[in-house]
Amino acid sequence: MLDVAILGTGGSMPMPNRGLASLLISYNGRKVLVDCGEGTQVSMRILGCGFKTIDAICITHWHGDHTVGLPGLLSTIGNSGRTDPLTIIGPKGIEKIVDGLRVIVPYLPYEINIVEDPKDSIIILSFKEKLILSTLELDHSAPCIGYKFYLKRNPKFDVEKAMKHNVPKSIWGKLQQGSEVEFKGVLYQPYMVLGEERKGIKLSYITDTRPIDTIHQFIKNSDLFICEGTYGDDLDIEKAIKNKHMTFTESAKLAKDGEVGELILTHFSPSMEEPELYINNAIKIFRNTKISHDRMVISLKFKE
């Protein structure tokens, strides 16, 4: 099960009932944070999330509503007793931004590894299953990337296949995890015990951007698509174009074209006090649309 908590749903500035952009992904006791706007730590404390087990922080872009919470969070992670290295991933220029933000937290008990503008997929968490991260360059007023997370599901163990290949039972477990094993002079491969591939879990997160052509293929068949909906009213399209954001209608069209399972809208303009008033602009295009709220939690399960 992949647990997703939308910690903050606001854009530009925090509101009394709305923190700024942040998303927490939890799997098997470990965590990945996406963006870190003001209010991130508060939402984590309210939800009872631990800080020590955040292994990676993915930043979409360096605007303040996505990064200002970072110095305090890094300090709290240090105070939690973490000594293992932590990875920060972001677009081109993120290393300079992190260095600047760390002026007020120069001493941490753990190492920070920065991955700038990744072009290849990255295994970001690895257990029996692997959580694989991919990125997409977006169209915003600063270098910005979208994120896709795929929890790869291992094929079922095939007992008949294992018996057919005379695989010793003592090494079944290692082969099932994808490792080849040499045993008594014989090399055994995972395919000797594994059945057909099974569908994993795909989560896509897109903010801040205009609706460019490459997005719908990037998010294709996502179980959950979390997307910016800075403006709910279609009459705000000129603002959306000027500020390089999207309306609910534009986000819903991406969800429909990408054939996703569910769309959750987030990153609301402070001028939009009640996003729910505009939900029909999205639902008329993509029915399975929801409005996010701070500390909204979604659990994604493997499907047979």
Protein backbone atom coordinates (compact mmCIF):
# COMPACT_ATOMS: atom_id res chain seq x y z
CA MET A 1 0.00 0.00 0.00
CA LEU A 2 1.25 3.47 -0.95
CA ASP A 3 0.00 6.23 1.35
CA VAL A 4 -0.20 9.77 -0.01
CA ALA A 5 -0.80 12.82 2.21
CA ILE A 6 -1.41 16.21 0.62
CA LEU A 7 0.07 18.35 3.38
CA GLY A 8 -0.55 21.78 1.86
CA THR A 9 -2.90 22.83 -0.92
CA GLY A 10 -2.20 26.53 -1.40
CA GLY A 11 -0.20 28.50 -3.91
CA SER A 12 1.53 31.86 -3.62
CA MET A 13 0.84 32.61 0.05
CA PRO A 14 -0.42 30.64 3.06
CA MET A 15 -4.00 31.18 4.18
CA PRO A 16 -5.59 30.65 7.62
CA ASN A 17 -7.02 27.30 6.48
CA ARG A 18 -4.49 26.41 3.80
CA GLY A 19 -0.75 25.77 3.92
CA LEU A 20 1.53 25.84 0.93
CA ALA A 21 2.48 23.11 -1.54
CA SER A 22 3.71 19.85 -0.04
CA LEU A 23 3.05 16.15 -0.58
CA LEU A 24 4.19 13.19 1.51
CA ILE A 25 4.49 9.68 0.11
CA SER A 26 4.88 6.83 2.60
CA TYR A 27 5.75 3.23 1.83
CA ASN A 28 6.91 0.45 4.09
CA GLY A 29 7.85 2.87 6.87
CA ARG A 30 9.93 5.21 4.67
CA LYS A 31 8.94 8.56 3.20
CA VAL A 32 9.44 10.82 0.18
CA LEU A 33 8.46 14.48 0.41
CA VAL A 34 7.51 16.50 -2.67
CA ASP A 35 7.88 20.27 -2.22
CA CYS A 36 8.16 21.98 1.13
CA GLY A 37 6.15 25.17 1.42
CA GLU A 38 5.25 26.98 4.65
CA GLY A 39 3.16 24.77 6.92
CA THR A 40 4.74 21.46 5.90
CA GLN A 41 6.02 20.62 9.37
CA VAL A 42 2.77 21.67 11.02
CA SER A 43 0.73 19.33 8.82
CA MET A 44 3.18 16.49 9.44
CA ARG A 45 2.87 16.96 13.20
CA ILE A 46 -0.94 17.05 13.03
CA LEU A 47 -0.93 13.79 11.05
CA GLY A 48 1.60 12.24 13.41
CA CYS A 49 4.19 11.65 10.68
CA GLY A 50 7.79 11.11 11.76
CA PHE A 51 10.59 13.23 10.31
CA LYS A 52 13.53 10.86 10.70
CA THR A 53 12.33 8.49 7.97
CA ILE A 54 12.19 11.05 5.13
CA ASP A 55 14.76 9.62 2.72
CA ALA A 56 14.26 12.00 -0.21
CA ILE A 57 12.86 15.46 -0.87
CA CYS A 58 11.73 16.24 -4.42
CA ILE A 59 11.38 19.91 -5.31
CA THR A 60 9.35 20.88 -8.39
CA HIS A 61 10.87 24.38 -8.63
CA TRP A 62 12.50 26.97 -6.43
CA HIS A 63 9.66 29.48 -5.93
CA GLY A 64 9.15 30.32 -2.26
CA ASP A 65 5.72 28.70 -1.93
CA HIS A 66 7.42 25.35 -2.67
CA THR A 67 10.71 25.75 -0.80
CA VAL A 68 10.55 28.17 2.15
CA GLY A 69 9.72 25.39 4.61
CA LEU A 70 12.89 23.51 3.73
CA PRO A 71 15.44 25.02 6.19
CA GLY A 72 13.25 24.35 9.20
CA LEU A 73 12.43 20.85 8.02
CA LEU A 74 16.09 19.95 7.51
CA SER A 75 16.81 21.16 11.03
CA THR A 76 13.95 19.12 12.48
CA ILE A 77 15.13 16.02 10.63
CA GLY A 78 18.56 16.55 12.21
CA ASN A 79 17.02 16.96 15.65
CA SER A 80 15.11 13.70 15.14
CA GLY A 81 18.41 11.81 15.29
CA ARG A 82 18.89 11.09 11.63
CA THR A 83 22.47 10.38 10.56
CA ASP A 84 21.84 8.57 7.26
CA PRO A 85 22.29 10.64 4.06
CA LEU A 86 19.25 12.42 2.64
CA THR A 87 18.68 13.05 -1.08
CA ILE A 88 17.25 16.27 -2.51
CA ILE A 89 16.09 16.15 -6.14
CA GLY A 90 15.10 19.17 -8.21
CA PRO A 91 15.35 21.05 -11.50
CA LYS A 92 18.39 22.81 -12.88
CA GLY A 93 19.70 25.29 -10.29
CA ILE A 94 18.35 23.46 -7.23
CA GLU A 95 21.82 22.99 -5.70
CA LYS A 96 22.36 26.76 -5.57
CA ILE A 97 18.92 27.25 -4.01
CA VAL A 98 19.48 24.61 -1.34
CA ASP A 99 22.89 26.10 -0.51
CA GLY A 100 21.24 29.50 -0.06
CA LEU A 101 18.45 28.18 2.13
CA ARG A 102 20.98 26.35 4.29
CA VAL A 103 22.67 29.56 5.42
CA ILE A 104 20.50 29.40 8.55
CA VAL A 105 21.03 25.63 9.02
CA PRO A 106 24.71 25.13 8.11
CA TYR A 107 25.36 22.23 10.48
CA LEU A 108 23.40 19.01 10.07
CA PRO A 109 24.26 15.55 11.46
CA TYR A 110 23.61 13.92 8.10
CA GLU A 111 24.90 14.36 4.56
CA ILE A 112 22.75 15.87 1.81
CA ASN A 113 23.11 14.45 -1.70
CA ILE A 114 21.68 16.70 -4.41
CA VAL A 115 20.46 15.33 -7.73
CA GLU A 116 19.93 18.17 -10.18
CA ASP A 117 17.70 17.90 -13.25
CA PRO A 118 17.59 14.07 -13.51
CA LYS A 119 16.89 12.72 -16.98
CA ASP A 120 16.82 9.02 -16.15
CA SER A 121 14.54 7.10 -13.82
CA ILE A 122 15.76 6.75 -10.23
CA ILE A 123 15.01 3.97 -7.74
CA ILE A 124 14.13 6.20 -4.82
CA LEU A 125 13.06 3.51 -2.31
CA SER A 126 13.97 -0.15 -2.53
CA PHE A 127 12.41 -2.99 -0.57
CA LYS A 128 10.76 -6.16 -1.87
CA GLU A 129 9.15 -3.73 -4.32
CA LYS A 130 10.89 -0.65 -5.73
CA LEU A 131 9.57 2.91 -5.91
CA ILE A 132 10.82 4.39 -9.18
CA LEU A 133 10.86 8.13 -9.87
CA SER A 134 10.70 9.82 -13.29
CA THR A 135 10.56 13.52 -14.15
CA LEU A 136 9.18 15.77 -16.88
CA GLU A 137 10.21 19.32 -17.77
CA LEU A 138 7.24 21.67 -17.39
CA ASP A 139 6.37 25.18 -18.59
CA HIS A 140 6.53 27.67 -15.73
CA SER A 141 8.21 31.00 -15.02
CA ALA A 142 11.16 29.16 -13.41
CA PRO A 143 12.76 25.79 -14.24
CA CYS A 144 10.16 23.29 -13.07
CA ILE A 145 9.73 19.52 -13.24
CA GLY A 146 6.81 17.18 -12.71
CA TYR A 147 7.20 13.87 -10.90
CA LYS A 148 5.91 10.38 -11.55
CA PHE A 149 6.28 7.61 -8.98
CA TYR A 150 5.83 3.97 -9.94
CA LEU A 151 5.71 1.29 -7.27
CA LYS A 152 6.85 -1.75 -9.21
CA ARG A 153 5.12 -4.94 -8.16
CA ASN A 154 7.06 -8.18 -8.19
CA PRO A 155 5.63 -11.05 -10.25
CA LYS A 156 3.92 -13.84 -8.37
CA PHE A 157 6.07 -16.74 -7.21
CA ASP A 158 5.46 -19.77 -9.45
CA VAL A 159 6.01 -22.98 -7.47
CA GLU A 160 5.54 -25.22 -10.50
CA LYS A 161 8.14 -23.25 -12.43
CA ALA A 162 10.59 -23.46 -9.55
CA MET A 163 10.11 -27.22 -9.31
CA LYS A 164 10.46 -27.61 -13.07
CA HIS A 165 13.88 -25.89 -12.94
CA ASN A 166 14.92 -27.92 -9.86
CA VAL A 167 15.50 -24.76 -7.83
CA PRO A 168 16.44 -25.51 -4.19
CA LYS A 169 13.82 -24.18 -1.74
CA SER A 170 16.52 -22.49 0.33
CA ILE A 171 17.12 -19.87 -2.39
CA TRP A 172 13.53 -19.27 -3.50
CA GLY A 173 13.28 -16.06 -1.46
CA LYS A 174 16.34 -14.38 -2.98
CA LEU A 175 15.29 -15.30 -6.51
CA GLN A 176 11.79 -13.93 -5.88
CA GLN A 177 13.37 -10.60 -4.92
CA GLY A 178 15.09 -10.45 -8.32
CA SER A 179 18.61 -11.57 -7.41
CA GLU A 180 20.48 -14.31 -9.24
CA VAL A 181 21.99 -16.92 -6.94
CA GLU A 182 24.89 -19.33 -7.36
CA PHE A 183 24.28 -22.47 -5.33
CA LYS A 184 26.55 -25.56 -5.34
CA GLY A 185 28.14 -24.52 -8.59
CA VAL A 186 24.86 -23.82 -10.41
CA LEU A 187 23.68 -20.28 -11.33
CA TYR A 188 19.96 -19.77 -10.79
CA GLN A 189 18.06 -16.84 -12.36
CA PRO A 190 14.87 -15.10 -11.10
CA TYR A 191 12.91 -16.11 -14.21
CA MET A 192 13.15 -19.72 -13.02
CA VAL A 193 10.70 -19.01 -10.18
CA LEU A 194 8.68 -15.96 -11.27
CA GLY A 195 5.36 -15.86 -13.07
CA GLU A 196 3.80 -13.11 -15.18
CA GLU A 197 4.38 -9.40 -14.54
CA ARG A 198 1.75 -7.60 -12.43
CA LYS A 199 0.61 -4.00 -12.62
CA GLY A 200 2.13 -1.69 -10.04
CA ILE A 201 0.89 1.63 -8.64
CA LYS A 202 1.45 4.88 -10.55
CA LEU A 203 1.20 8.34 -8.97
CA SER A 204 1.77 11.55 -10.95
CA TYR A 205 2.24 15.04 -9.52
CA ILE A 206 2.17 18.08 -11.81
CA THR A 207 2.59 21.68 -10.60
CA ASP A 208 3.29 24.56 -11.59
CA THR A 209 2.80 24.72 -15.35
CA ARG A 210 0.74 25.40 -18.40
CA PRO A 211 -0.92 22.29 -19.95
CA ILE A 212 1.81 21.27 -22.41
CA ASP A 213 1.45 18.36 -24.86
CA THR A 214 3.97 16.09 -23.13
CA ILE A 215 2.04 15.86 -19.87
CA HIS A 216 -0.76 13.51 -20.92
CA GLN A 217 1.67 10.83 -22.06
CA PHE A 218 3.78 11.27 -18.91
CA ILE A 219 0.77 10.71 -16.65
CA LYS A 220 -0.76 7.98 -18.85
CA ASN A 221 -2.79 5.43 -16.87
CA SER A 222 -1.81 6.88 -13.48
CA ASP A 223 -3.87 5.47 -10.65
CA LEU A 224 -3.79 8.93 -9.07
CA PHE A 225 -3.05 12.24 -10.78
CA ILE A 226 -2.48 15.18 -8.42
CA CYS A 227 -2.49 18.36 -10.48
CA GLU A 228 -2.42 22.08 -9.93
CA GLY A 229 -5.71 23.89 -10.30
CA THR A 230 -4.64 27.41 -9.46
CA TYR A 231 -7.77 28.93 -11.00
CA GLY A 232 -11.23 27.38 -10.79
CA ASP A 233 -13.10 29.89 -12.95
CA ASP A 234 -12.68 29.63 -16.72
CA LEU A 235 -12.87 33.42 -16.84
CA ASP A 236 -9.41 33.46 -15.22
CA ILE A 237 -7.77 31.91 -18.27
CA GLU A 238 -5.82 35.10 -19.05
CA LYS A 239 -4.34 35.04 -15.53
CA ALA A 240 -3.48 31.38 -15.96
CA ILE A 241 -1.66 32.06 -19.22
CA LYS A 242 0.15 35.11 -17.84
CA ASN A 243 1.28 33.38 -14.64
CA LYS A 244 1.87 29.98 -16.30
CA HIS A 245 -0.67 28.03 -14.28
CA MET A 246 -3.82 26.07 -15.10
CA THR A 247 -7.58 26.29 -14.66
CA PHE A 248 -9.69 23.39 -13.40
CA THR A 249 -10.89 22.82 -16.95
CA GLU A 250 -7.35 22.52 -18.30
CA SER A 251 -6.32 20.10 -15.56
CA ALA A 252 -9.38 17.94 -16.19
CA LYS A 253 -8.59 17.74 -19.91
CA LEU A 254 -5.12 16.44 -19.05
CA ALA A 255 -6.66 13.80 -16.76
CA LYS A 256 -9.06 12.70 -19.49
CA ASP A 257 -6.38 12.54 -22.19
CA GLY A 258 -4.04 10.71 -19.81
CA GLU A 259 -6.74 8.15 -18.97
CA VAL A 260 -5.94 8.39 -15.26
CA GLY A 261 -7.93 6.70 -12.53
CA GLU A 262 -8.52 9.75 -10.33
CA LEU A 263 -7.75 13.48 -10.45
CA ILE A 264 -7.17 15.51 -7.30
CA LEU A 265 -6.83 19.26 -7.75
CA THR A 266 -4.50 21.33 -5.56
CA HIS A 267 -2.32 24.50 -5.45
CA PHE A 268 -5.21 26.95 -5.20
CA SER A 269 -4.84 30.70 -5.67
CA PRO A 270 -5.33 32.70 -2.44
CA SER A 271 -8.03 34.63 -4.28
CA MET A 272 -10.08 31.40 -4.55
CA GLU A 273 -11.43 30.91 -1.04
CA GLU A 274 -13.78 28.03 -1.92
CA PRO A 275 -12.41 25.83 -4.72
CA GLU A 276 -15.44 23.54 -4.31
CA LEU A 277 -17.60 26.19 -6.00
CA TYR A 278 -15.82 25.47 -9.31
CA ILE A 279 -15.59 21.66 -9.13
CA ASN A 280 -18.18 21.21 -11.90
CA ASN A 281 -15.79 22.87 -14.37
CA ALA A 282 -13.59 19.81 -13.94
CA ILE A 283 -16.23 17.11 -13.38
CA LYS A 284 -18.00 17.88 -16.66
CA ILE A 285 -14.77 16.83 -18.41
CA PHE A 286 -13.36 14.23 -16.01
CA ARG A 287 -15.94 12.79 -13.64
CA ASN A 288 -13.62 11.28 -11.03
CA THR A 289 -12.26 14.61 -9.82
CA LYS A 290 -11.85 15.72 -6.21
CA ILE A 291 -10.82 18.96 -4.51
CA SER A 292 -7.92 18.51 -2.10
CA HIS A 293 -7.73 19.90 1.41
CA ASP A 294 -4.79 20.19 3.77
CA ARG A 295 -3.85 16.82 5.28
CA MET A 296 -5.98 14.83 2.85
CA VAL A 297 -4.75 11.21 2.91
CA ILE A 298 -5.19 8.68 0.10
CA SER A 299 -4.17 5.01 0.23
CA LEU A 300 -3.33 3.33 -3.06
CA LYS A 301 -3.43 -0.47 -3.23
CA PHE A 302 -2.21 -2.98 -5.78
CA LYS A 303 -4.99 -4.20 -8.08
CA GLU A 304 -5.31 -7.80 -9.13
